[in-house]
C-alpha atoms as a PDB file:
ATOM      1  CA  MET A   1      27.265 -44.966   6.485  1.00  0.00           C
ATOM      2  CA  THR A   2      28.719 -47.444   8.884  1.00  0.00           C
ATOM      3  CA  GLY A   3      31.651 -47.821  11.238  1.00  0.00           C
ATOM      4  CA  ASN A   4      33.631 -45.260  13.158  1.00  0.00           C
ATOM      5  CA  GLY A   5      36.802 -45.267  11.049  1.00  0.00           C
ATOM      6  CA  ASP A   6      38.916 -46.996  13.680  1.00  0.00           C
ATOM      7  CA  ALA A   7      38.713 -50.630  14.675  1.00  0.00           C
ATOM      8  CA  GLU A   8      40.310 -49.913  18.045  1.00  0.00           C
ATOM      9  CA  ASP A   9      38.359 -49.186  21.206  1.00  0.00           C
ATOM     10  CA  PRO A  10      38.796 -45.424  21.748  1.00  0.00           C
ATOM     11  CA  GLN A  11      39.051 -46.085  25.490  1.00  0.00           C
ATOM     12  CA  SER A  12      41.802 -48.656  25.068  1.00  0.00           C
ATOM     13  CA  PRO A  13      45.280 -47.424  26.103  1.00  0.00           C
ATOM     14  CA  SER A  14      46.709 -48.838  22.870  1.00  0.00           C
ATOM     15  CA  SER A  15      44.516 -46.457  20.858  1.00  0.00           C
ATOM     16  CA  GLU A  16      45.702 -43.342  22.706  1.00  0.00           C
ATOM     17  CA  LEU A  17      48.422 -41.307  21.025  1.00  0.00           C
ATOM     18  CA  THR A  18      50.712 -38.998  22.956  1.00  0.00           C
ATOM     19  CA  ALA A  19      51.719 -35.594  21.621  1.00  0.00           C
ATOM     20  CA  ALA A  20      55.176 -36.971  20.786  1.00  0.00           C
ATOM     21  CA  GLN A  21      53.668 -39.881  18.857  1.00  0.00           C
ATOM     22  CA  ILE A  22      51.419 -37.557  16.891  1.00  0.00           C
ATOM     23  CA  ILE A  23      54.390 -35.370  15.979  1.00  0.00           C
ATOM     24  CA  ASP A  24      56.383 -38.447  14.907  1.00  0.00           C
ATOM     25  CA  LEU A  25      53.475 -39.705  12.779  1.00  0.00           C
ATOM     26  CA  GLU A  26      53.079 -36.354  11.058  1.00  0.00           C
ATOM     27  CA  ARG A  27      56.819 -36.172  10.395  1.00  0.00           C
ATOM     28  CA  SER A  28      56.683 -39.697   8.971  1.00  0.00           C
ATOM     29  CA  GLN A  29      53.789 -38.734   6.690  1.00  0.00           C
ATOM     30  CA  ILE A  30      55.643 -35.651   5.450  1.00  0.00           C
ATOM     31  CA  GLY A  31      58.792 -37.716   4.871  1.00  0.00           C
ATOM     32  CA  HIS A  32      56.741 -40.247   2.924  1.00  0.00           C
ATOM     33  CA  ASP A  33      55.269 -37.506   0.733  1.00  0.00           C
ATOM     34  CA  VAL A  34      58.676 -35.969   0.064  1.00  0.00           C
ATOM     35  CA  HIS A  35      60.166 -39.370  -0.842  1.00  0.00           C
ATOM     36  CA  ASP A  36      57.290 -40.746  -2.907  1.00  0.00           C
ATOM     37  CA  LEU A  37      55.793 -37.606  -4.450  1.00  0.00           C
ATOM     38  CA  LEU A  38      58.162 -34.648  -4.440  1.00  0.00           C
ATOM     39  CA  ILE A  39      61.544 -36.224  -5.186  1.00  0.00           C
ATOM     40  CA  PRO A  40      60.329 -38.300  -8.192  1.00  0.00           C
ATOM     41  CA  LEU A  41      58.935 -35.154  -9.850  1.00  0.00           C
ATOM     42  CA  MET A  42      62.188 -33.264  -9.369  1.00  0.00           C
ATOM     43  CA  PHE A  43      64.280 -36.256 -10.487  1.00  0.00           C
ATOM     44  CA  ALA A  44      62.181 -36.732 -13.629  1.00  0.00           C
ATOM     45  CA  ALA A  45      62.411 -33.030 -14.474  1.00  0.00           C
ATOM     46  CA  SER A  46      66.179 -33.039 -13.974  1.00  0.00           C
ATOM     47  CA  ALA A  47      66.674 -36.138 -16.145  1.00  0.00           C
ATOM     48  CA  ASN A  48      64.457 -34.667 -18.837  1.00  0.00           C
ATOM     49  CA  LEU A  49      66.390 -31.394 -18.901  1.00  0.00           C
ATOM     50  CA  GLN A  50      69.698 -33.249 -19.123  1.00  0.00           C
ATOM     51  CA  ALA A  51      68.378 -35.225 -22.096  1.00  0.00           C
ATOM     52  CA  ALA A  52      67.187 -31.993 -23.666  1.00  0.00           C
ATOM     53  CA  LEU A  53      70.613 -30.412 -23.248  1.00  0.00           C
ATOM     54  CA  ARG A  54      72.251 -33.417 -24.898  1.00  0.00           C
ATOM     55  CA  SER A  55      69.868 -33.231 -27.860  1.00  0.00           C
ATOM     56  CA  ALA A  56      70.569 -29.517 -28.232  1.00  0.00           C
ATOM     57  CA  ASP A  57      73.849 -30.457 -29.940  1.00  0.00           C
ATOM     58  CA  GLY A  58      72.009 -32.515 -32.576  1.00  0.00           C
ATOM     59  CA  PRO A  59      70.536 -31.492 -35.957  1.00  0.00           C
ATOM     60  CA  ALA A  60      68.178 -28.545 -36.210  1.00  0.00           C
ATOM     61  CA  GLY A  61      65.301 -30.961 -36.904  1.00  0.00           C
ATOM     62  CA  GLU A  62      65.451 -32.122 -33.294  1.00  0.00           C
ATOM     63  CA  LEU A  63      64.338 -28.708 -31.985  1.00  0.00           C
ATOM     64  CA  ALA A  64      60.682 -29.764 -31.576  1.00  0.00           C
ATOM     65  CA  PRO A  65      61.467 -32.793 -29.350  1.00  0.00           C
ATOM     66  CA  LEU A  66      63.821 -30.552 -27.356  1.00  0.00           C
ATOM     67  CA  LEU A  67      61.069 -28.002 -26.731  1.00  0.00           C
ATOM     68  CA  ASP A  68      58.694 -30.816 -25.739  1.00  0.00           C
ATOM     69  CA  ARG A  69      61.181 -32.090 -23.169  1.00  0.00           C
ATOM     70  CA  ILE A  70      61.680 -28.627 -21.723  1.00  0.00           C
ATOM     71  CA  ALA A  71      57.917 -28.048 -21.521  1.00  0.00           C
ATOM     72  CA  LYS A  72      57.387 -31.388 -19.753  1.00  0.00           C
ATOM     73  CA  SER A  73      60.180 -30.635 -17.311  1.00  0.00           C
ATOM     74  CA  ASP A  74      58.618 -27.275 -16.539  1.00  0.00           C
ATOM     75  CA  GLU A  75      55.265 -29.001 -15.885  1.00  0.00           C
ATOM     76  CA  TRP A  76      56.875 -31.438 -13.438  1.00  0.00           C
ATOM     77  CA  LEU A  77      58.752 -28.654 -11.655  1.00  0.00           C
ATOM     78  CA  GLN A  78      55.550 -26.643 -11.273  1.00  0.00           C
ATOM     79  CA  GLN A  79      53.871 -29.720  -9.757  1.00  0.00           C
ATOM     80  CA  ALA A  80      56.830 -30.162  -7.415  1.00  0.00           C
ATOM     81  CA  LEU A  81      56.657 -26.516  -6.321  1.00  0.00           C
ATOM     82  CA  SER A  82      52.921 -26.809  -5.664  1.00  0.00           C
ATOM     83  CA  LEU A  83      53.428 -30.002  -3.667  1.00  0.00           C
ATOM     84  CA  ALA A  84      56.265 -28.409  -1.681  1.00  0.00           C
ATOM     85  CA  ARG A  85      54.061 -25.439  -0.772  1.00  0.00           C
ATOM     86  CA  ASN A  86      51.318 -27.784   0.419  1.00  0.00           C
ATOM     87  CA  LEU A  87      53.796 -29.781   2.498  1.00  0.00           C
ATOM     88  CA  LEU A  88      55.108 -26.618   4.133  1.00  0.00           C
ATOM     89  CA  THR A  89      51.546 -25.559   4.917  1.00  0.00           C
ATOM     90  CA  GLN A  90      50.920 -28.920   6.579  1.00  0.00           C
ATOM     91  CA  ILE A  91      54.107 -28.690   8.659  1.00  0.00           C
ATOM     92  CA  TYR A  92      53.030 -25.328  10.049  1.00  0.00           C
ATOM     93  CA  PRO A  93      49.949 -23.309   9.076  1.00  0.00           C
ATOM     94  CA  PRO A  94      51.467 -19.812   8.598  1.00  0.00           C
ATOM     95  CA  GLU A  95      48.157 -18.536   7.230  1.00  0.00           C
ATOM     96  CA  LEU A  96      46.694 -18.646  10.742  1.00  0.00           C
ATOM     97  CA  ASP A  97      49.082 -15.856  11.754  1.00  0.00           C
ATOM     98  CA  GLN A  98      47.940 -13.636   8.890  1.00  0.00           C
ATOM     99  CA  LEU A  99      44.349 -14.605   8.047  1.00  0.00           C
ATOM    100  CA  SER A 100      41.203 -15.595   9.883  1.00  0.00           C
ATOM    101  CA  TRP A 101      40.717 -19.341  10.345  1.00  0.00           C
ATOM    102  CA  LEU A 102      38.010 -19.413   7.695  1.00  0.00           C
ATOM    103  CA  ALA A 103      40.060 -17.513   5.112  1.00  0.00           C
ATOM    104  CA  ALA A 104      43.124 -19.679   5.740  1.00  0.00           C
ATOM    105  CA  ALA A 105      41.082 -22.890   5.593  1.00  0.00           C
ATOM    106  CA  LYS A 106      39.358 -21.911   2.354  1.00  0.00           C
ATOM    107  CA  ASP A 107      42.680 -21.039   0.726  1.00  0.00           C
ATOM    108  CA  THR A 108      44.234 -24.349   1.764  1.00  0.00           C
ATOM    109  CA  ALA A 109      41.142 -26.355   0.782  1.00  0.00           C
ATOM    110  CA  ASN A 110      41.170 -24.834  -2.687  1.00  0.00           C
ATOM    111  CA  ARG A 111      44.842 -25.683  -3.135  1.00  0.00           C
ATOM    112  CA  ILE A 112      44.412 -29.284  -1.995  1.00  0.00           C
ATOM    113  CA  GLY A 113      41.237 -29.763  -4.033  1.00  0.00           C
ATOM    114  CA  GLY A 114      42.792 -28.209  -7.114  1.00  0.00           C
ATOM    115  CA  SER A 115      40.876 -28.094 -10.367  1.00  0.00           C
ATOM    116  CA  ASP A 116      39.635 -31.682 -10.088  1.00  0.00           C
ATOM    117  CA  CYS A 117      37.634 -31.359  -6.881  1.00  0.00           C
ATOM    118  CA  GLN A 118      34.913 -28.865  -5.985  1.00  0.00           C
ATOM    119  CA  VAL A 119      34.906 -27.664  -2.372  1.00  0.00           C
ATOM    120  CA  ASP A 120      31.624 -26.268  -1.034  1.00  0.00           C
ATOM    121  CA  TRP A 121      31.284 -24.375   2.254  1.00  0.00           C
ATOM    122  CA  ASP A 122      28.311 -24.030   4.587  1.00  0.00           C
ATOM    123  CA  VAL A 123      29.224 -21.698   7.448  1.00  0.00           C
ATOM    124  CA  ASP A 124      27.016 -20.835  10.421  1.00  0.00           C
ATOM    125  CA  PRO A 125      27.984 -17.363  11.737  1.00  0.00           C
ATOM    126  CA  ALA A 126      27.753 -18.800  15.267  1.00  0.00           C
ATOM    127  CA  SER A 127      30.535 -21.302  14.561  1.00  0.00           C
ATOM    128  CA  PRO A 128      33.881 -20.782  16.361  1.00  0.00           C
ATOM    129  CA  VAL A 129      35.572 -20.687  12.941  1.00  0.00           C
ATOM    130  CA  CYS A 130      34.159 -17.149  12.597  1.00  0.00           C
ATOM    131  CA  ASP A 131      35.545 -16.041  15.982  1.00  0.00           C
ATOM    132  CA  SER A 132      38.745 -14.011  15.664  1.00  0.00           C
ATOM    133  CA  ASN A 133      39.564 -14.903  19.288  1.00  0.00           C
ATOM    134  CA  TRP A 134      39.134 -18.658  18.863  1.00  0.00           C
ATOM    135  CA  ASN A 135      41.518 -20.639  21.060  1.00  0.00           C
ATOM    136  CA  ARG A 136      44.731 -21.025  19.072  1.00  0.00           C
ATOM    137  CA  ASP A 137      45.329 -24.682  19.930  1.00  0.00           C
ATOM    138  CA  GLN A 138      41.776 -25.651  19.011  1.00  0.00           C
ATOM    139  CA  ALA A 139      41.919 -23.597  15.807  1.00  0.00           C
ATOM    140  CA  THR A 140      45.201 -25.228  14.764  1.00  0.00           C
ATOM    141  CA  THR A 141      43.815 -28.686  15.526  1.00  0.00           C
ATOM    142  CA  ALA A 142      40.688 -28.042  13.455  1.00  0.00           C
ATOM    143  CA  TYR A 143      42.900 -26.753  10.632  1.00  0.00           C
ATOM    144  CA  ARG A 144      45.029 -29.920  10.656  1.00  0.00           C
ATOM    145  CA  VAL A 145      42.013 -32.223  10.889  1.00  0.00           C
ATOM    146  CA  LEU A 146      40.545 -30.436   7.875  1.00  0.00           C
ATOM    147  CA  ILE A 147      43.791 -30.848   5.923  1.00  0.00           C
ATOM    148  CA  GLU A 148      44.008 -34.563   6.709  1.00  0.00           C
ATOM    149  CA  ALA A 149      40.368 -35.114   5.739  1.00  0.00           C
ATOM    150  CA  LEU A 150      40.868 -33.262   2.451  1.00  0.00           C
ATOM    151  CA  ARG A 151      44.071 -35.150   1.673  1.00  0.00           C
ATOM    152  CA  ASN A 152      42.391 -38.493   2.299  1.00  0.00           C
ATOM    153  CA  ALA A 153      39.345 -37.524   0.244  1.00  0.00           C
ATOM    154  CA  THR A 154      41.335 -36.395  -2.789  1.00  0.00           C
ATOM    155  CA  ARG A 155      44.307 -38.746  -2.678  1.00  0.00           C
ATOM    156  CA  HIS A 156      42.742 -41.996  -1.508  1.00  0.00           C
ATOM    157  CA  GLY A 157      39.047 -41.466  -2.219  1.00  0.00           C
ATOM    158  CA  ASN A 158      39.345 -39.637  -5.560  1.00  0.00           C
ATOM    159  CA  ALA A 159      36.560 -37.327  -4.409  1.00  0.00           C
ATOM    160  CA  LYS A 160      35.098 -34.889  -6.912  1.00  0.00           C
ATOM    161  CA  THR A 161      33.044 -32.890  -4.419  1.00  0.00           C
ATOM    162  CA  ILE A 162      33.719 -32.089  -0.763  1.00  0.00           C
ATOM    163  CA  SER A 163      31.233 -30.274   1.472  1.00  0.00           C
ATOM    164  CA  ILE A 164      32.526 -28.523   4.600  1.00  0.00           C
ATOM    165  CA  HIS A 165      29.946 -27.601   7.237  1.00  0.00           C
ATOM    166  CA  CYS A 166      31.062 -25.225   9.997  1.00  0.00           C
ATOM    167  CA  GLN A 167      28.405 -25.493  12.706  1.00  0.00           C
ATOM    168  CA  PRO A 168      28.300 -23.958  16.202  1.00  0.00           C
ATOM    169  CA  ASP A 169      29.351 -27.212  17.843  1.00  0.00           C
ATOM    170  CA  ARG A 170      31.143 -29.166  15.134  1.00  0.00           C
ATOM    171  CA  LEU A 171      33.132 -29.185  11.895  1.00  0.00           C
ATOM    172  CA  VAL A 172      31.813 -31.718   9.377  1.00  0.00           C
ATOM    173  CA  ILE A 173      33.618 -32.708   6.162  1.00  0.00           C
ATOM    174  CA  VAL A 174      31.685 -34.904   3.701  1.00  0.00           C
ATOM    175  CA  ASP A 175      33.189 -36.215   0.461  1.00  0.00           C
ATOM    176  CA  ASP A 176      31.732 -38.193  -2.442  1.00  0.00           C
ATOM    177  CA  GLY A 177      34.810 -40.376  -2.838  1.00  0.00           C
ATOM    178  CA  THR A 178      35.077 -44.143  -3.052  1.00  0.00           C
ATOM    179  CA  GLY A 179      34.845 -44.598   0.700  1.00  0.00           C
ATOM    180  CA  PHE A 180      36.293 -47.543   2.628  1.00  0.00           C
ATOM    181  CA  ASP A 181      35.496 -50.247   5.146  1.00  0.00           C
ATOM    182  CA  PRO A 182      36.596 -48.869   8.548  1.00  0.00           C
ATOM    183  CA  ALA A 183      37.184 -52.406   9.816  1.00  0.00           C
ATOM    184  CA  ALA A 184      39.669 -53.055   7.020  1.00  0.00           C
ATOM    185  CA  ILE A 185      41.941 -50.050   7.572  1.00  0.00           C
ATOM    186  CA  ASP A 186      45.641 -50.854   7.210  1.00  0.00           C
ATOM    187  CA  PRO A 187      47.138 -50.593  10.732  1.00  0.00           C
ATOM    188  CA  ASN A 188      50.135 -48.824   9.184  1.00  0.00           C
ATOM    189  CA  ARG A 189      47.923 -45.911   8.121  1.00  0.00           C
ATOM    190  CA  PHE A 190      47.874 -43.448  10.984  1.00  0.00           C
ATOM    191  CA  GLY A 191      45.915 -40.565   9.433  1.00  0.00           C
ATOM    192  CA  ILE A 192      42.671 -41.227  11.296  1.00  0.00           C
ATOM    193  CA  ARG A 193      44.437 -42.102  14.559  1.00  0.00           C
ATOM    194  CA  SER A 194      46.447 -38.900  14.279  1.00  0.00           C
ATOM    195  CA  MET A 195      43.308 -36.797  13.784  1.00  0.00           C
ATOM    196  CA  LYS A 196      41.611 -38.401  16.785  1.00  0.00           C
ATOM    197  CA  GLY A 197      44.695 -38.132  18.978  1.00  0.00           C
ATOM    198  CA  ARG A 198      45.292 -34.488  18.111  1.00  0.00           C
ATOM    199  CA  ALA A 199      41.647 -33.652  18.890  1.00  0.00           C
ATOM    200  CA  ARG A 200      41.854 -35.382  22.268  1.00  0.00           C
ATOM    201  CA  LEU A 201      44.827 -33.223  23.207  1.00  0.00           C
ATOM    202  CA  VAL A 202      42.594 -30.129  23.073  1.00  0.00           C
ATOM    203  CA  GLY A 203      39.575 -31.784  24.667  1.00  0.00           C
ATOM    204  CA  LYS A 204      37.698 -32.488  21.426  1.00  0.00           C
ATOM    205  CA  THR A 205      36.761 -35.615  19.482  1.00  0.00           C
ATOM    206  CA  VAL A 206      36.920 -36.746  15.860  1.00  0.00           C
ATOM    207  CA  SER A 207      34.720 -39.433  14.344  1.00  0.00           C
ATOM    208  CA  VAL A 208      34.942 -40.937  10.854  1.00  0.00           C
ATOM    209  CA  GLU A 209      32.061 -42.693   9.137  1.00  0.00           C
ATOM    210  CA  SER A 210      32.411 -44.418   5.779  1.00  0.00           C
ATOM    211  CA  ALA A 211      31.562 -47.507   3.747  1.00  0.00           C
ATOM    212  CA  PRO A 212      32.779 -48.905   0.411  1.00  0.00           C
ATOM    213  CA  GLY A 213      31.354 -46.694  -2.289  1.00  0.00           C
ATOM    214  CA  GLY A 214      31.163 -43.715   0.057  1.00  0.00           C
ATOM    215  CA  PRO A 215      30.387 -41.169   1.171  1.00  0.00           C
ATOM    216  CA  THR A 216      32.895 -40.479   3.951  1.00  0.00           C
ATOM    217  CA  THR A 217      32.097 -38.090   6.794  1.00  0.00           C
ATOM    218  CA  VAL A 218      34.676 -36.668   9.204  1.00  0.00           C
ATOM    219  CA  THR A 219      33.279 -34.830  12.228  1.00  0.00           C
ATOM    220  CA  MET A 220      35.225 -32.838  14.825  1.00  0.00           C
ATOM    221  CA  THR A 221      33.496 -31.406  17.866  1.00  0.00           C
ATOM    222  CA  LEU A 222      34.146 -27.721  18.460  1.00  0.00           C
END
């Protein structure tokens, strides 16, 4: 594994992100997901249902295609609902008000991983993630870093297995995805910068190690 996931000098002022910038970047990411992922599913489902309604006036022999259209529309709407729930979770982690950090993180990880990606956990009882009195800001930051790492692993890396290690002094996420060259990261992709900036706001650090072909390792100090 090579590189640190960010070509910028972490001490350089240009690499520092303020709280406002981090919020703007996360809003931009959510807006991008709504525009590129959620709306197309809902539009396709709506168009399919309209076509189904029009064919309902045709001969009885067209019933099978009609049912197929309705079934496909239902599939797209279910995907849209699932995506919407995930987006809402990323905007604000309500689970942290109702569940322990570990329970909330496992639930979210399973939803992001879905049926195509296996998520394995290795939890040291001495890790802060097991502490019910863990500092709220640090817990929320770790939760968001985990979400971003999982999203990148499944969406961009096509990972099939992700291992999450909760240690006394760090949170480590390792995926078997395609990996990437840290020096070749598109400057318009702010996921890694956002993770690092958010961690700095609570006095922690995030490092990312990867190489083409993988694996990719994201580490946050606790």
